[in-house]
Amino acid sequence: MSAVDRRTVLKGVAATGAVAATGISLPAHGRVAKVAPPDAVGLLYDTTLCIGCKTCVVACREANDKKPDTRLSGGLWDMPSDLNGQTKNVIKLYKDPDSPERSYFKAQCLHCVDPACVGACMIGALQKREFGIVTYDSFFCSGCRYCQMVCPFEIPKFEWEKLAPKIVKCELCNHRLREGRQPGCTEVCPRHAVVYGKRTDLLAEAKRRIAESPKKYKGQKKGDPPKVYGETEGGGTQCLYLSHVPFEKLGLPDLSADPVPHVAQTVQHGIYQGFVAPVALYAVLGAVVFRNRKKQAATSGEPGNPTGGAE
């Protein structure tokens, strides 16, 4: 091969690399945006109505046959401070350090319309099933915990203390729904701070409350207009929130309308689109090998040296 041939190869590699670089910014054309199913159900939690009685925490534990978390109370009573391997639902208290502002906050799986955990689960242990509920099947779980890493709300927990640990998260009491009942947390709430229903109905009710009392509710940050958290965040969730303090203070992240799996797969599909990037990398490596072998042959004077004019 002549020097002209080598330049041709290098030009081709450079051109291929440029195409690959362009491909990284291309959208994932093959992915269709997901929407909530027509029969999607969920929760509506209103912080202005919650009194922090934690009856919902006890009801959730009993409905899901979980043991009390008594670590903070010295073994005396159920007192979870956060979601964990024994707790699928918890009430937290937010206090502003610089003002009297305070609020209770109910933490549980938000049942995303397009869940990151489902997109990350390699074997399908986590899937959206009946009524759009994100459910978990331990039979298919490998324990990789990718679902924990990708969840923007940090919901899935792991049973670290068990020899055969499982992922623990709210499944909206789907076993009770099959019996025609409602989730344990909504059944016992004395103030109806959390209510159960179809997502479309809950969203309409949340917007009605905002329209009726616009000064009562807040947006994502201080000064933002009031909104229903979960209507669009991360592609939408089936558990919705209304709050009298900015959502960011409650720990709810400021997400775009793009679901997390869409963002991740856009990057992945951009890199691998048309398999251009791997081919470019292979071509670069091949050119380097060819150049090194040519130098080695020229130094050793082996027969067939391409610089010896045999061709």
Protein backbone atom coordinates (compact mmCIF):
# COMPACT_ATOMS: atom_id res chain seq x y z
CA MET A 1 0.00 0.00 0.00
CA SER A 2 1.38 3.40 -0.91
CA ALA A 3 1.52 6.59 1.17
CA VAL A 4 -1.46 7.87 -0.81
CA ASP A 5 -3.44 4.82 0.29
CA ARG A 6 -2.63 5.51 3.93
CA ARG A 7 -3.84 9.09 3.65
CA THR A 8 -6.99 7.80 2.07
CA VAL A 9 -7.54 5.47 5.01
CA LEU A 10 -6.93 8.27 7.53
CA LYS A 11 -9.31 10.56 5.65
CA GLY A 12 -11.94 7.87 5.72
CA VAL A 13 -11.46 7.36 9.46
CA ALA A 14 -11.73 11.09 10.07
CA ALA A 15 -14.90 11.31 7.98
CA THR A 16 -16.41 8.35 9.76
CA GLY A 17 -15.55 9.86 13.13
CA ALA A 18 -17.19 13.12 12.14
CA VAL A 19 -20.36 11.27 11.17
CA ALA A 20 -20.28 9.43 14.48
CA ALA A 21 -19.87 12.66 16.37
CA THR A 22 -22.84 14.08 14.50
CA GLY A 23 -24.85 10.98 15.28
CA ILE A 24 -24.43 11.47 19.03
CA SER A 25 -26.62 14.53 18.95
CA LEU A 26 -29.39 12.89 16.96
CA PRO A 27 -32.64 12.02 18.74
CA ALA A 28 -33.78 8.48 19.41
CA HIS A 29 -36.21 8.16 16.52
CA GLY A 30 -37.24 4.62 17.47
CA ARG A 31 -38.64 5.54 20.89
CA VAL A 32 -42.29 6.43 21.20
CA ALA A 33 -43.30 8.71 24.07
CA LYS A 34 -45.47 6.80 26.53
CA VAL A 35 -48.74 8.08 27.92
CA ALA A 36 -50.78 7.01 30.91
CA PRO A 37 -53.27 4.24 30.09
CA PRO A 38 -56.94 5.31 30.05
CA ASP A 39 -57.62 3.35 33.26
CA ALA A 40 -54.53 4.66 35.09
CA VAL A 41 -55.08 5.10 38.82
CA GLY A 42 -53.06 6.96 41.40
CA LEU A 43 -53.07 9.22 44.45
CA LEU A 44 -53.54 12.93 45.07
CA TYR A 45 -51.73 14.21 48.16
CA ASP A 46 -52.46 17.73 49.43
CA THR A 47 -50.01 19.07 52.02
CA THR A 48 -52.53 21.69 53.19
CA LEU A 49 -54.76 18.92 54.55
CA CYS A 50 -52.14 16.65 56.13
CA ILE A 51 -51.82 16.88 59.93
CA GLY A 52 -48.93 14.42 60.21
CA CYS A 53 -50.84 11.78 62.19
CA LYS A 54 -49.03 9.01 60.25
CA THR A 55 -52.08 6.77 60.28
CA CYS A 56 -51.33 6.13 56.62
CA VAL A 57 -47.86 4.84 57.54
CA VAL A 58 -49.31 2.26 59.93
CA ALA A 59 -52.03 1.26 57.48
CA CYS A 60 -49.48 0.83 54.69
CA ARG A 61 -47.30 -1.38 56.89
CA GLU A 62 -50.22 -3.56 57.91
CA ALA A 63 -51.63 -3.78 54.38
CA ASN A 64 -48.27 -4.92 53.05
CA ASP A 65 -47.41 -7.24 55.97
CA LYS A 66 -44.27 -5.33 56.96
CA LYS A 67 -42.64 -5.30 60.37
CA PRO A 68 -42.58 -2.04 62.39
CA ASP A 69 -39.42 0.04 62.07
CA THR A 70 -38.58 0.63 65.73
CA ARG A 71 -34.89 1.50 65.42
CA LEU A 72 -35.32 5.18 66.36
CA SER A 73 -37.69 4.43 69.25
CA GLY A 74 -35.46 1.85 70.92
CA GLY A 75 -37.81 -0.98 69.97
CA LEU A 76 -40.91 0.68 71.44
CA TRP A 77 -43.01 1.79 68.47
CA ASP A 78 -43.09 2.12 64.69
CA MET A 79 -41.05 5.24 63.87
CA PRO A 80 -39.52 5.19 60.37
CA SER A 81 -37.56 8.31 59.46
CA ASP A 82 -37.52 7.52 55.74
CA LEU A 83 -38.38 4.87 53.19
CA ASN A 84 -36.43 1.67 53.78
CA GLY A 85 -36.62 -2.09 53.44
CA GLN A 86 -39.55 -2.19 55.88
CA THR A 87 -41.31 1.02 54.90
CA LYS A 88 -43.13 1.74 51.63
CA ASN A 89 -44.82 4.95 52.74
CA VAL A 90 -43.65 7.61 55.18
CA ILE A 91 -44.69 11.06 56.36
CA LYS A 92 -41.83 13.54 56.73
CA LEU A 93 -41.79 16.98 58.32
CA TYR A 94 -40.20 19.94 56.53
CA LYS A 95 -39.20 22.97 58.62
CA ASP A 96 -37.74 26.13 57.14
CA PRO A 97 -34.73 27.07 59.30
CA ASP A 98 -35.31 30.79 58.72
CA SER A 99 -39.08 31.09 59.06
CA PRO A 100 -42.13 29.42 60.66
CA GLU A 101 -42.83 27.70 57.34
CA ARG A 102 -43.39 23.97 57.74
CA SER A 103 -45.14 21.18 55.93
CA TYR A 104 -45.71 17.47 56.07
CA PHE A 105 -44.76 15.44 53.02
CA LYS A 106 -45.85 11.95 52.02
CA ALA A 107 -43.11 9.93 50.35
CA GLN A 108 -43.88 6.84 48.27
CA CYS A 109 -43.46 5.62 44.70
CA LEU A 110 -44.98 8.13 42.29
CA HIS A 111 -45.71 5.47 39.65
CA CYS A 112 -44.24 7.37 36.71
CA VAL A 113 -46.03 7.19 33.38
CA ASP A 114 -42.69 6.22 31.80
CA PRO A 115 -40.67 4.89 34.75
CA ALA A 116 -36.88 5.01 34.82
CA CYS A 117 -36.80 1.89 37.01
CA VAL A 118 -38.71 -0.14 34.44
CA GLY A 119 -36.40 1.09 31.67
CA ALA A 120 -33.32 0.12 33.70
CA CYS A 121 -34.54 -3.29 34.88
CA MET A 122 -32.74 -5.80 32.65
CA ILE A 123 -34.95 -8.82 33.32
CA GLY A 124 -38.32 -7.19 33.78
CA ALA A 125 -38.71 -7.54 37.53
CA LEU A 126 -40.20 -4.05 37.52
CA GLN A 127 -42.97 -3.45 35.03
CA LYS A 128 -46.02 -1.30 34.53
CA ARG A 129 -48.98 -3.61 34.78
CA GLU A 130 -52.71 -3.21 35.49
CA PHE A 131 -53.90 0.38 35.82
CA GLY A 132 -50.41 1.66 35.02
CA ILE A 133 -49.09 0.62 38.44
CA VAL A 134 -45.34 -0.07 38.63
CA THR A 135 -45.15 -3.50 40.25
CA TYR A 136 -42.27 -5.72 41.31
CA ASP A 137 -41.75 -9.47 40.78
CA SER A 138 -38.89 -10.73 42.96
CA PHE A 139 -38.64 -13.95 40.89
CA PHE A 140 -37.02 -12.00 38.06
CA CYS A 141 -34.88 -9.68 40.24
CA SER A 142 -31.11 -10.15 39.99
CA GLY A 143 -30.36 -7.68 42.78
CA CYS A 144 -28.44 -5.32 40.49
CA ARG A 145 -30.18 -2.28 42.08
CA TYR A 146 -30.05 -0.27 38.85
CA CYS A 147 -33.62 0.76 39.67
CA GLN A 148 -32.32 2.51 42.78
CA MET A 149 -29.69 4.41 40.80
CA VAL A 150 -31.95 5.72 38.04
CA CYS A 151 -35.05 6.70 40.03
CA PRO A 152 -35.15 10.54 40.12
CA PHE A 153 -37.16 10.34 43.35
CA GLU A 154 -34.85 7.82 45.10
CA ILE A 155 -37.77 5.54 45.94
CA PRO A 156 -36.76 1.85 45.58
CA LYS A 157 -35.08 0.45 48.68
CA PHE A 158 -33.13 -2.77 49.25
CA GLU A 159 -33.49 -5.28 52.06
CA TRP A 160 -29.85 -5.17 53.10
CA GLU A 161 -30.47 -7.05 56.33
CA LYS A 162 -31.82 -10.17 54.58
CA LEU A 163 -29.93 -13.09 53.06
CA ALA A 164 -32.29 -13.09 50.06
CA PRO A 165 -32.99 -9.35 49.73
CA LYS A 166 -35.69 -7.85 47.57
CA ILE A 167 -36.51 -4.39 46.28
CA VAL A 168 -39.15 -2.62 48.38
CA LYS A 169 -41.42 0.09 46.99
CA CYS A 170 -45.07 1.10 46.99
CA GLU A 171 -47.15 -0.98 44.55
CA LEU A 172 -50.29 1.03 45.29
CA CYS A 173 -51.68 -1.91 47.28
CA ASN A 174 -52.50 -3.62 43.98
CA HIS A 175 -53.49 -6.76 45.92
CA ARG A 176 -56.24 -4.72 47.61
CA LEU A 177 -57.33 -3.15 44.32
CA ARG A 178 -57.96 -6.64 42.93
CA GLU A 179 -60.38 -7.15 45.82
CA GLY A 180 -62.24 -3.97 44.98
CA ARG A 181 -60.66 -2.06 47.86
CA GLN A 182 -58.51 1.06 47.88
CA PRO A 183 -54.89 1.49 49.08
CA GLY A 184 -54.38 1.28 52.83
CA CYS A 185 -53.09 4.84 53.11
CA THR A 186 -56.13 6.45 51.49
CA GLU A 187 -58.62 4.26 53.34
CA VAL A 188 -57.59 5.55 56.78
CA CYS A 189 -56.58 9.18 56.19
CA PRO A 190 -58.87 11.16 58.57
CA ARG A 191 -58.46 14.42 56.65
CA HIS A 192 -58.51 12.96 53.12
CA ALA A 193 -55.14 14.55 52.60
CA VAL A 194 -54.39 11.63 50.30
CA VAL A 195 -57.12 10.29 48.05
CA TYR A 196 -57.23 7.48 45.51
CA GLY A 197 -58.83 7.47 42.07
CA LYS A 198 -58.34 7.58 38.33
CA ARG A 199 -55.46 9.82 37.32
CA THR A 200 -57.63 11.92 35.05
CA ASP A 201 -60.11 12.57 37.88
CA LEU A 202 -57.36 13.34 40.40
CA LEU A 203 -55.70 15.78 38.01
CA ALA A 204 -59.01 17.55 37.41
CA GLU A 205 -59.63 17.76 41.17
CA ALA A 206 -56.14 19.17 41.78
CA LYS A 207 -56.64 21.86 39.15
CA ARG A 208 -60.04 22.69 40.62
CA ARG A 209 -58.47 23.26 44.04
CA ILE A 210 -55.80 25.54 42.53
CA ALA A 211 -58.41 27.51 40.60
CA GLU A 212 -60.51 27.86 43.74
CA SER A 213 -57.61 28.98 45.97
CA PRO A 214 -54.70 30.07 43.79
CA LYS A 215 -52.86 31.80 46.66
CA LYS A 216 -53.01 28.68 48.79
CA TYR A 217 -50.72 26.60 46.60
CA LYS A 218 -47.15 27.00 45.33
CA GLY A 219 -45.02 26.03 42.35
CA GLN A 220 -41.64 24.40 42.03
CA LYS A 221 -39.71 27.37 43.44
CA LYS A 222 -40.54 30.46 45.43
CA GLY A 223 -42.41 32.90 43.19
CA ASP A 224 -43.42 30.27 40.62
CA PRO A 225 -47.13 29.95 39.77
CA PRO A 226 -49.00 27.13 41.54
CA LYS A 227 -49.02 23.79 39.78
CA VAL A 228 -49.84 20.12 40.14
CA TYR A 229 -46.59 18.26 40.63
CA GLY A 230 -46.59 15.12 38.54
CA GLU A 231 -48.77 16.39 35.71
CA THR A 232 -45.77 16.68 33.41
CA GLU A 233 -42.61 16.18 35.52
CA GLY A 234 -40.45 13.37 34.18
CA GLY A 235 -43.12 12.56 31.60
CA GLY A 236 -45.85 12.60 34.25
CA THR A 237 -46.61 10.52 37.32
CA GLN A 238 -49.74 8.78 38.54
CA CYS A 239 -49.29 10.10 42.09
CA LEU A 240 -49.88 13.85 42.12
CA TYR A 241 -49.01 16.54 44.66
CA LEU A 242 -50.38 19.89 45.77
CA SER A 243 -48.34 21.93 48.22
CA HIS A 244 -48.43 25.18 50.18
CA VAL A 245 -44.61 25.37 50.14
CA PRO A 246 -42.42 25.19 47.01
CA PHE A 247 -41.97 21.61 45.84
CA GLU A 248 -38.19 21.95 45.80
CA LYS A 249 -38.26 22.40 49.59
CA LEU A 250 -40.06 19.08 49.93
CA GLY A 251 -37.36 17.32 47.95
CA LEU A 252 -39.31 16.92 44.71
CA PRO A 253 -36.83 17.52 41.87
CA ASP A 254 -37.35 20.05 39.09
CA LEU A 255 -37.74 17.72 36.10
CA SER A 256 -38.51 18.51 32.48
CA ALA A 257 -41.40 16.89 30.65
CA ASP A 258 -39.01 14.36 29.13
CA PRO A 259 -39.08 10.99 30.91
CA VAL A 260 -35.75 9.76 32.24
CA PRO A 261 -35.67 6.69 29.94
CA HIS A 262 -36.13 8.97 26.92
CA VAL A 263 -33.08 11.06 27.85
CA ALA A 264 -30.92 7.98 28.54
CA GLN A 265 -31.96 6.17 25.38
CA THR A 266 -31.49 9.28 23.27
CA VAL A 267 -27.82 9.33 24.27
CA GLN A 268 -27.44 5.58 23.77
CA HIS A 269 -29.18 5.54 20.41
CA GLY A 270 -27.15 8.56 19.29
CA ILE A 271 -23.90 6.78 20.02
CA TYR A 272 -24.95 3.51 18.42
CA GLN A 273 -27.14 4.90 15.65
CA GLY A 274 -26.28 3.00 12.45
CA PHE A 275 -23.47 1.39 14.45
CA VAL A 276 -21.32 4.26 13.16
CA ALA A 277 -19.42 4.97 16.37
CA PRO A 278 -18.23 1.35 16.91
CA VAL A 279 -17.24 1.09 13.22
CA ALA A 280 -15.30 4.34 13.48
CA LEU A 281 -13.50 3.11 16.58
CA TYR A 282 -12.68 -0.18 14.86
CA ALA A 283 -11.31 1.71 11.83
CA VAL A 284 -9.10 3.89 14.02
CA LEU A 285 -7.70 0.86 15.83
CA GLY A 286 -7.10 -0.89 12.48
CA ALA A 287 -5.22 2.13 11.11
CA VAL A 288 -3.00 2.22 14.20
CA VAL A 289 -2.21 -1.50 13.89
CA PHE A 290 -1.44 -1.11 10.19
CA ARG A 291 0.89 1.84 10.83
CA ASN A 292 2.80 0.01 13.57
CA ARG A 293 3.24 -3.13 11.52
CA LYS A 294 4.51 -1.06 8.60
CA LYS A 295 7.09 0.67 10.78
CA GLN A 296 8.18 -2.64 12.27
CA ALA A 297 8.61 -4.18 8.83
CA ALA A 298 10.63 -1.20 7.58
CA THR A 299 12.96 -1.39 10.61
CA SER A 300 13.58 -5.13 10.41
CA GLY A 301 13.89 -5.28 6.58
CA GLU A 302 11.60 -8.28 6.37
CA PRO A 303 10.65 -9.62 2.92
CA GLY A 304 7.49 -8.09 1.65
CA ASN A 305 8.46 -4.73 3.12
CA PRO A 306 6.00 -2.37 1.45
CA THR A 307 8.66 0.35 1.31
CA GLY A 308 11.06 -1.91 -0.63
CA GLY A 309 9.23 -1.41 -3.93
CA ALA A 310 8.37 -5.11 -4.31
CA GLU A 311 4.90 -4.14 -5.42
